[in-house]
Amino acid sequence: MKLNSLGAALLLTLSLVVITGCDQVEKSAQQVLGKATESAKQAIDDTHKAAEQALSEATQGLISPQKKDDQPEKEPDSSSKEA
């Protein structure tokens, strides 16, 4: 009888250790995925900036990057209008 209850206690303890280990693995995986997501976002932003700069240089400024919502619109310059 003692051997049976000792085995049950050992089995429960082992199960608890395994479950705790799984939680730690899950937390580590979430941290790694979070860092990978941030790195991917930064890479996309950097690529977008480089593409805008390359386009601007290739067109010699004829095409300007799209305005952001927080940038005020430039009013047309009256000296550049043709008569």
PDB file of N, CA and C in Angstrom:
ATOM      1  N   MET A   1       0.819  -1.194   0.000  1.00  0.00           N
ATOM      2  CA  MET A   1       0.000   0.000   0.000  1.00  0.00           C
ATOM      3  C   MET A   1       0.867   1.263   0.000  1.00  0.00           C
ATOM      4  N   LYS A   2       1.944   1.229   0.820  1.00  0.00           N
ATOM      5  CA  LYS A   2       2.821   2.400   0.854  1.00  0.00           C
ATOM      6  C   LYS A   2       3.489   2.623  -0.499  1.00  0.00           C
ATOM      7  N   LEU A   3       3.860   1.571  -1.152  1.00  0.00           N
ATOM      8  CA  LEU A   3       4.511   1.683  -2.455  1.00  0.00           C
ATOM      9  C   LEU A   3       3.550   2.283  -3.481  1.00  0.00           C
ATOM     10  N   ASN A   4       2.297   1.919  -3.396  1.00  0.00           N
ATOM     11  CA  ASN A   4       1.290   2.431  -4.325  1.00  0.00           C
ATOM     12  C   ASN A   4       1.079   3.938  -4.126  1.00  0.00           C
ATOM     13  N   SER A   5       0.967   4.405  -2.871  1.00  0.00           N
ATOM     14  CA  SER A   5       0.763   5.831  -2.621  1.00  0.00           C
ATOM     15  C   SER A   5       2.031   6.624  -2.907  1.00  0.00           C
ATOM     16  N   LEU A   6       3.196   6.013  -2.683  1.00  0.00           N
ATOM     17  CA  LEU A   6       4.460   6.676  -3.011  1.00  0.00           C
ATOM     18  C   LEU A   6       4.578   6.849  -4.520  1.00  0.00           C
ATOM     19  N   GLY A   7       4.165   5.847  -5.263  1.00  0.00           N
ATOM     20  CA  GLY A   7       4.176   5.928  -6.728  1.00  0.00           C
ATOM     21  C   GLY A   7       3.222   7.001  -7.225  1.00  0.00           C
ATOM     22  N   ALA A   8       2.055   7.096  -6.596  1.00  0.00           N
ATOM     23  CA  ALA A   8       1.081   8.112  -6.998  1.00  0.00           C
ATOM     24  C   ALA A   8       1.622   9.510  -6.708  1.00  0.00           C
ATOM     25  N   ALA A   9       2.252   9.691  -5.560  1.00  0.00           N
ATOM     26  CA  ALA A   9       2.826  10.991  -5.218  1.00  0.00           C
ATOM     27  C   ALA A   9       3.954  11.346  -6.174  1.00  0.00           C
ATOM     28  N   LEU A  10       4.777  10.362  -6.506  1.00  0.00           N
ATOM     29  CA  LEU A  10       5.867  10.589  -7.454  1.00  0.00           C
ATOM     30  C   LEU A  10       5.318  10.956  -8.835  1.00  0.00           C
ATOM     31  N   LEU A  11       4.270  10.278  -9.249  1.00  0.00           N
ATOM     32  CA  LEU A  11       3.640  10.559 -10.542  1.00  0.00           C
ATOM     33  C   LEU A  11       3.049  11.968 -10.571  1.00  0.00           C
ATOM     34  N   LEU A  12       2.382  12.378  -9.502  1.00  0.00           N
ATOM     35  CA  LEU A  12       1.826  13.733  -9.430  1.00  0.00           C
ATOM     36  C   LEU A  12       2.936  14.783  -9.441  1.00  0.00           C
ATOM     37  N   THR A  13       4.003  14.539  -8.712  1.00  0.00           N
ATOM     38  CA  THR A  13       5.126  15.477  -8.677  1.00  0.00           C
ATOM     39  C   THR A  13       5.768  15.601 -10.052  1.00  0.00           C
ATOM     40  N   LEU A  14       5.969  14.482 -10.690  1.00  0.00           N
ATOM     41  CA  LEU A  14       6.555  14.487 -12.033  1.00  0.00           C
ATOM     42  C   LEU A  14       5.653  15.236 -13.019  1.00  0.00           C
ATOM     43  N   SER A  15       4.347  15.017 -12.914  1.00  0.00           N
ATOM     44  CA  SER A  15       3.398  15.720 -13.785  1.00  0.00           C
ATOM     45  C   SER A  15       3.467  17.229 -13.562  1.00  0.00           C
ATOM     46  N   LEU A  16       3.580  17.631 -12.308  1.00  0.00           N
ATOM     47  CA  LEU A  16       3.671  19.055 -11.989  1.00  0.00           C
ATOM     48  C   LEU A  16       4.931  19.677 -12.577  1.00  0.00           C
ATOM     49  N   VAL A  17       6.039  18.959 -12.489  1.00  0.00           N
ATOM     50  CA  VAL A  17       7.295  19.447 -13.057  1.00  0.00           C
ATOM     51  C   VAL A  17       7.180  19.592 -14.576  1.00  0.00           C
ATOM     52  N   VAL A  18       6.556  18.632 -15.232  1.00  0.00           N
ATOM     53  CA  VAL A  18       6.388  18.679 -16.689  1.00  0.00           C
ATOM     54  C   VAL A  18       5.501  19.852 -17.088  1.00  0.00           C
ATOM     55  N   ILE A  19       4.406  20.045 -16.347  1.00  0.00           N
ATOM     56  CA  ILE A  19       3.489  21.154 -16.656  1.00  0.00           C
ATOM     57  C   ILE A  19       4.192  22.496 -16.468  1.00  0.00           C
ATOM     58  N   THR A  20       4.966  22.626 -15.404  1.00  0.00           N
ATOM     59  CA  THR A  20       5.705  23.866 -15.155  1.00  0.00           C
ATOM     60  C   THR A  20       6.698  24.119 -16.280  1.00  0.00           C
ATOM     61  N   GLY A  21       7.359  23.075 -16.725  1.00  0.00           N
ATOM     62  CA  GLY A  21       8.301  23.203 -17.840  1.00  0.00           C
ATOM     63  C   GLY A  21       7.610  23.639 -19.115  1.00  0.00           C
ATOM     64  N   CYS A  22       6.418  23.118 -19.361  1.00  0.00           N
ATOM     65  CA  CYS A  22       5.658  23.498 -20.557  1.00  0.00           C
ATOM     66  C   CYS A  22       5.274  24.976 -20.508  1.00  0.00           C
ATOM     67  N   ASP A  23       4.894  25.461 -19.326  1.00  0.00           N
ATOM     68  CA  ASP A  23       4.558  26.877 -19.187  1.00  0.00           C
ATOM     69  C   ASP A  23       5.764  27.759 -19.495  1.00  0.00           C
ATOM     70  N   GLN A  24       6.932  27.345 -19.020  1.00  0.00           N
ATOM     71  CA  GLN A  24       8.143  28.113 -19.276  1.00  0.00           C
ATOM     72  C   GLN A  24       8.484  28.117 -20.768  1.00  0.00           C
ATOM     73  N   VAL A  25       8.300  26.984 -21.407  1.00  0.00           N
ATOM     74  CA  VAL A  25       8.560  26.898 -22.849  1.00  0.00           C
ATOM     75  C   VAL A  25       7.596  27.801 -23.605  1.00  0.00           C
ATOM     76  N   GLU A  26       6.340  27.817 -23.195  1.00  0.00           N
ATOM     77  CA  GLU A  26       5.343  28.671 -23.861  1.00  0.00           C
ATOM     78  C   GLU A  26       5.698  30.149 -23.699  1.00  0.00           C
ATOM     79  N   LYS A  27       6.088  30.536 -22.485  1.00  0.00           N
ATOM     80  CA  LYS A  27       6.464  31.933 -22.250  1.00  0.00           C
ATOM     81  C   LYS A  27       7.684  32.323 -23.080  1.00  0.00           C
ATOM     82  N   SER A  28       8.661  31.432 -23.154  1.00  0.00           N
ATOM     83  CA  SER A  28       9.855  31.705 -23.952  1.00  0.00           C
ATOM     84  C   SER A  28       9.506  31.826 -25.433  1.00  0.00           C
ATOM     85  N   ALA A  29       8.639  30.962 -25.899  1.00  0.00           N
ATOM     86  CA  ALA A  29       8.224  31.010 -27.305  1.00  0.00           C
ATOM     87  C   ALA A  29       7.498  32.319 -27.608  1.00  0.00           C
ATOM     88  N   GLN A  30       6.652  32.776 -26.690  1.00  0.00           N
ATOM     89  CA  GLN A  30       5.948  34.046 -26.892  1.00  0.00           C
ATOM     90  C   GLN A  30       6.929  35.215 -26.942  1.00  0.00           C
ATOM     91  N   GLN A  31       7.955  35.183 -26.097  1.00  0.00           N
ATOM     92  CA  GLN A  31       8.950  36.252 -26.113  1.00  0.00           C
ATOM     93  C   GLN A  31       9.724  36.257 -27.431  1.00  0.00           C
ATOM     94  N   VAL A  32      10.101  35.080 -27.894  1.00  0.00           N
ATOM     95  CA  VAL A  32      10.836  34.981 -29.155  1.00  0.00           C
ATOM     96  C   VAL A  32       9.974  35.475 -30.313  1.00  0.00           C
ATOM     97  N   LEU A  33       8.700  35.088 -30.323  1.00  0.00           N
ATOM     98  CA  LEU A  33       7.804  35.544 -31.390  1.00  0.00           C
ATOM     99  C   LEU A  33       7.605  37.051 -31.338  1.00  0.00           C
ATOM    100  N   GLY A  34       7.511  37.615 -30.129  1.00  0.00           N
ATOM    101  CA  GLY A  34       7.371  39.059 -30.000  1.00  0.00           C
ATOM    102  C   GLY A  34       8.582  39.797 -30.558  1.00  0.00           C
ATOM    103  N   LYS A  35       9.769  39.301 -30.249  1.00  0.00           N
ATOM    104  CA  LYS A  35      10.989  39.922 -30.766  1.00  0.00           C
ATOM    105  C   LYS A  35      11.089  39.774 -32.277  1.00  0.00           C
ATOM    106  N   ALA A  36      10.695  38.616 -32.782  1.00  0.00           N
ATOM    107  CA  ALA A  36      10.721  38.397 -34.227  1.00  0.00           C
ATOM    108  C   ALA A  36       9.739  39.329 -34.932  1.00  0.00           C
ATOM    109  N   THR A  37       8.579  39.555 -34.329  1.00  0.00           N
ATOM    110  CA  THR A  37       7.588  40.459 -34.908  1.00  0.00           C
ATOM    111  C   THR A  37       8.126  41.881 -34.975  1.00  0.00           C
ATOM    112  N   GLU A  38       8.751  42.332 -33.882  1.00  0.00           N
ATOM    113  CA  GLU A  38       9.315  43.680 -33.866  1.00  0.00           C
ATOM    114  C   GLU A  38      10.421  43.821 -34.904  1.00  0.00           C
ATOM    115  N   SER A  39      11.259  42.813 -35.037  1.00  0.00           N
ATOM    116  CA  SER A  39      12.331  42.848 -36.032  1.00  0.00           C
ATOM    117  C   SER A  39      11.763  42.903 -37.449  1.00  0.00           C
ATOM    118  N   ALA A  40      10.710  42.143 -37.688  1.00  0.00           N
ATOM    119  CA  ALA A  40      10.092  42.144 -39.017  1.00  0.00           C
ATOM    120  C   ALA A  40       9.479  43.510 -39.331  1.00  0.00           C
ATOM    121  N   LYS A  41       8.805  44.112 -38.343  1.00  0.00           N
ATOM    122  CA  LYS A  41       8.226  45.439 -38.553  1.00  0.00           C
ATOM    123  C   LYS A  41       9.314  46.463 -38.864  1.00  0.00           C
ATOM    124  N   GLN A  42      10.428  46.392 -38.137  1.00  0.00           N
ATOM    125  CA  GLN A  42      11.524  47.329 -38.371  1.00  0.00           C
ATOM    126  C   GLN A  42      12.121  47.128 -39.761  1.00  0.00           C
ATOM    127  N   ALA A  43      12.270  45.879 -40.173  1.00  0.00           N
ATOM    128  CA  ALA A  43      12.805  45.592 -41.507  1.00  0.00           C
ATOM    129  C   ALA A  43      11.881  46.132 -42.590  1.00  0.00           C
ATOM    130  N   ILE A  44      10.582  45.986 -42.394  1.00  0.00           N
ATOM    131  CA  ILE A  44       9.620  46.502 -43.371  1.00  0.00           C
ATOM    132  C   ILE A  44       9.692  48.026 -43.437  1.00  0.00           C
ATOM    133  N   ASP A  45       9.763  48.685 -42.288  1.00  0.00           N
ATOM    134  CA  ASP A  45       9.862  50.142 -42.265  1.00  0.00           C
ATOM    135  C   ASP A  45      11.142  50.621 -42.948  1.00  0.00           C
ATOM    136  N   ASP A  46      12.252  49.955 -42.659  1.00  0.00           N
ATOM    137  CA  ASP A  46      13.526  50.338 -43.271  1.00  0.00           C
ATOM    138  C   ASP A  46      13.490  50.140 -44.782  1.00  0.00           C
ATOM    139  N   THR A  47      12.899  49.034 -45.220  1.00  0.00           N
ATOM    140  CA  THR A  47      12.785  48.758 -46.651  1.00  0.00           C
ATOM    141  C   THR A  47      11.903  49.798 -47.335  1.00  0.00           C
ATOM    142  N   HIS A  48      10.819  50.193 -46.667  1.00  0.00           N
ATOM    143  CA  HIS A  48       9.924  51.203 -47.230  1.00  0.00           C
ATOM    144  C   HIS A  48      10.649  52.547 -47.394  1.00  0.00           C
ATOM    145  N   LYS A  49      11.396  52.935 -46.366  1.00  0.00           N
ATOM    146  CA  LYS A  49      12.147  54.196 -46.449  1.00  0.00           C
ATOM    147  C   LYS A  49      13.179  54.144 -47.567  1.00  0.00           C
ATOM    148  N   ALA A  50      13.884  53.023 -47.685  1.00  0.00           N
ATOM    149  CA  ALA A  50      14.890  52.888 -48.734  1.00  0.00           C
ATOM    150  C   ALA A  50      14.246  52.917 -50.117  1.00  0.00           C
ATOM    151  N   ALA A  51      13.084  52.302 -50.257  1.00  0.00           N
ATOM    152  CA  ALA A  51      12.390  52.300 -51.543  1.00  0.00           C
ATOM    153  C   ALA A  51      11.935  53.706 -51.917  1.00  0.00           C
ATOM    154  N   GLU A  52      11.416  54.447 -50.934  1.00  0.00           N
ATOM    155  CA  GLU A  52      11.010  55.823 -51.205  1.00  0.00           C
ATOM    156  C   GLU A  52      12.200  56.675 -51.637  1.00  0.00           C
ATOM    157  N   GLN A  53      13.326  56.492 -50.968  1.00  0.00           N
ATOM    158  CA  GLN A  53      14.520  57.267 -51.306  1.00  0.00           C
ATOM    159  C   GLN A  53      15.026  56.892 -52.700  1.00  0.00           C
ATOM    160  N   ALA A  54      15.036  55.604 -53.014  1.00  0.00           N
ATOM    161  CA  ALA A  54      15.484  55.164 -54.332  1.00  0.00           C
ATOM    162  C   ALA A  54      14.565  55.690 -55.425  1.00  0.00           C
ATOM    163  N   LEU A  55      13.254  55.683 -55.168  1.00  0.00           N
ATOM    164  CA  LEU A  55      12.306  56.205 -56.151  1.00  0.00           C
ATOM    165  C   LEU A  55      12.516  57.695 -56.361  1.00  0.00           C
ATOM    166  N   SER A  56      12.728  58.407 -55.273  1.00  0.00           N
ATOM    167  CA  SER A  56      12.957  59.843 -55.369  1.00  0.00           C
ATOM    168  C   SER A  56      14.223  60.144 -56.166  1.00  0.00           C
ATOM    169  N   GLU A  57      15.275  59.380 -55.892  1.00  0.00           N
ATOM    170  CA  GLU A  57      16.529  59.592 -56.618  1.00  0.00           C
ATOM    171  C   GLU A  57      16.387  59.204 -58.080  1.00  0.00           C
ATOM    172  N   ALA A  58      15.659  58.134 -58.365  1.00  0.00           N
ATOM    173  CA  ALA A  58      15.499  57.668 -59.741  1.00  0.00           C
ATOM    174  C   ALA A  58      14.674  58.641 -60.570  1.00  0.00           C
ATOM    175  N   THR A  59      13.704  59.274 -59.951  1.00  0.00           N
ATOM    176  CA  THR A  59      12.855  60.207 -60.688  1.00  0.00           C
ATOM    177  C   THR A  59      13.345  61.638 -60.531  1.00  0.00           C
ATOM    178  N   GLN A  60      14.444  61.814 -59.856  1.00  0.00           N
ATOM    179  CA  GLN A  60      15.047  63.128 -59.600  1.00  0.00           C
ATOM    180  C   GLN A  60      14.047  64.084 -58.975  1.00  0.00           C
ATOM    181  N   GLY A  61      13.258  63.568 -58.059  1.00  0.00           N
ATOM    182  CA  GLY A  61      12.336  64.400 -57.313  1.00  0.00           C
ATOM    183  C   GLY A  61      11.041  64.724 -58.038  1.00  0.00           C
ATOM    184  N   LEU A  62      10.806  64.164 -59.236  1.00  0.00           N
ATOM    185  CA  LEU A  62       9.569  64.440 -59.962  1.00  0.00           C
ATOM    186  C   LEU A  62       8.365  63.850 -59.237  1.00  0.00           C
ATOM    187  N   ILE A  63       8.577  62.724 -58.585  1.00  0.00           N
ATOM    188  CA  ILE A  63       7.507  62.081 -57.816  1.00  0.00           C
ATOM    189  C   ILE A  63       7.899  62.177 -56.356  1.00  0.00           C
ATOM    190  N   SER A  64       7.035  62.803 -55.558  1.00  0.00           N
ATOM    191  CA  SER A  64       7.339  62.916 -54.131  1.00  0.00           C
ATOM    192  C   SER A  64       6.619  61.808 -53.381  1.00  0.00           C
ATOM    193  N   PRO A  65       7.173  61.386 -52.243  1.00  0.00           N
ATOM    194  CA  PRO A  65       6.488  60.352 -51.449  1.00  0.00           C
ATOM    195  C   PRO A  65       5.111  60.836 -51.018  1.00  0.00           C
ATOM    196  N   GLN A  66       4.223  59.892 -50.770  1.00  0.00           N
ATOM    197  CA  GLN A  66       2.876  60.256 -50.343  1.00  0.00           C
ATOM    198  C   GLN A  66       2.929  61.027 -49.041  1.00  0.00           C
ATOM    199  N   LYS A  67       2.001  62.013 -48.937  1.00  0.00           N
ATOM    200  CA  LYS A  67       1.922  62.801 -47.705  1.00  0.00           C
ATOM    201  C   LYS A  67       1.316  61.964 -46.602  1.00  0.00           C
ATOM    202  N   LYS A  68       1.795  62.167 -45.407  1.00  0.00           N
ATOM    203  CA  LYS A  68       1.198  61.532 -44.239  1.00  0.00           C
ATOM    204  C   LYS A  68       0.065  62.425 -43.769  1.00  0.00           C
ATOM    205  N   ASP A  69      -0.856  61.864 -42.998  1.00  0.00           N
ATOM    206  CA  ASP A  69      -2.010  62.618 -42.529  1.00  0.00           C
ATOM    207  C   ASP A  69      -1.622  63.803 -41.660  1.00  0.00           C
ATOM    208  N   ASP A  70      -0.495  63.695 -40.944  1.00  0.00           N
ATOM    209  CA  ASP A  70      -0.115  64.774 -40.041  1.00  0.00           C
ATOM    210  C   ASP A  70       0.692  65.871 -40.726  1.00  0.00           C
ATOM    211  N   GLN A  71       0.985  65.715 -42.020  1.00  0.00           N
ATOM    212  CA  GLN A  71       1.711  66.749 -42.741  1.00  0.00           C
ATOM    213  C   GLN A  71       0.722  67.693 -43.416  1.00  0.00           C
ATOM    214  N   PRO A  72       0.905  69.001 -43.235  1.00  0.00           N
ATOM    215  CA  PRO A  72      -0.007  69.946 -43.892  1.00  0.00           C
ATOM    216  C   PRO A  72       0.222  69.957 -45.401  1.00  0.00           C
ATOM    217  N   GLU A  73      -0.854  70.209 -46.121  1.00  0.00           N
ATOM    218  CA  GLU A  73      -0.734  70.293 -47.574  1.00  0.00           C
ATOM    219  C   GLU A  73      -0.042  71.591 -47.951  1.00  0.00           C
ATOM    220  N   LYS A  74       0.800  71.509 -48.999  1.00  0.00           N
ATOM    221  CA  LYS A  74       1.453  72.721 -49.478  1.00  0.00           C
ATOM    222  C   LYS A  74       0.505  73.414 -50.448  1.00  0.00           C
ATOM    223  N   GLU A  75       0.379  74.720 -50.290  1.00  0.00           N
ATOM    224  CA  GLU A  75      -0.475  75.477 -51.194  1.00  0.00           C
ATOM    225  C   GLU A  75       0.284  75.698 -52.490  1.00  0.00           C
ATOM    226  N   PRO A  76      -0.407  75.701 -53.612  1.00  0.00           N
ATOM    227  CA  PRO A  76       0.282  75.927 -54.896  1.00  0.00           C
ATOM    228  C   PRO A  76       0.942  77.290 -54.908  1.00  0.00           C
ATOM    229  N   ASP A  77       2.145  77.322 -55.426  1.00  0.00           N
ATOM    230  CA  ASP A  77       2.916  78.557 -55.486  1.00  0.00           C
ATOM    231  C   ASP A  77       2.406  79.370 -56.689  1.00  0.00           C
ATOM    232  N   SER A  78       2.020  80.623 -56.456  1.00  0.00           N
ATOM    233  CA  SER A  78       1.453  81.450 -57.533  1.00  0.00           C
ATOM    234  C   SER A  78       2.482  81.760 -58.598  1.00  0.00           C
ATOM    235  N   SER A  79       3.770  81.726 -58.276  1.00  0.00           N
ATOM    236  CA  SER A  79       4.789  82.044 -59.272  1.00  0.00           C
ATOM    237  C   SER A  79       4.997  80.901 -60.239  1.00  0.00           C
ATOM    238  N   SER A  80       4.558  79.687 -59.913  1.00  0.00           N
ATOM    239  CA  SER A  80       4.767  78.556 -60.805  1.00  0.00           C
ATOM    240  C   SER A  80       3.610  78.369 -61.762  1.00  0.00           C
ATOM    241  N   LYS A  81       2.518  79.139 -61.634  1.00  0.00           N
ATOM    242  CA  LYS A  81       1.380  79.012 -62.541  1.00  0.00           C
ATOM    243  C   LYS A  81       1.708  79.667 -63.877  1.00  0.00           C
ATOM    244  N   GLU A  82       1.260  79.006 -64.956  1.00  0.00           N
ATOM    245  CA  GLU A  82       1.458  79.578 -66.268  1.00  0.00           C
ATOM    246  C   GLU A  82       0.293  80.477 -66.623  1.00  0.00           C
ATOM    247  N   ALA A  83       0.561  81.552 -67.364  1.00  0.00           N
ATOM    248  CA  ALA A  83      -0.493  82.513 -67.721  1.00  0.00           C
ATOM    249  C   ALA A  83      -1.269  82.104 -68.930  1.00  0.00           C
TER     250      ALA A  83
END
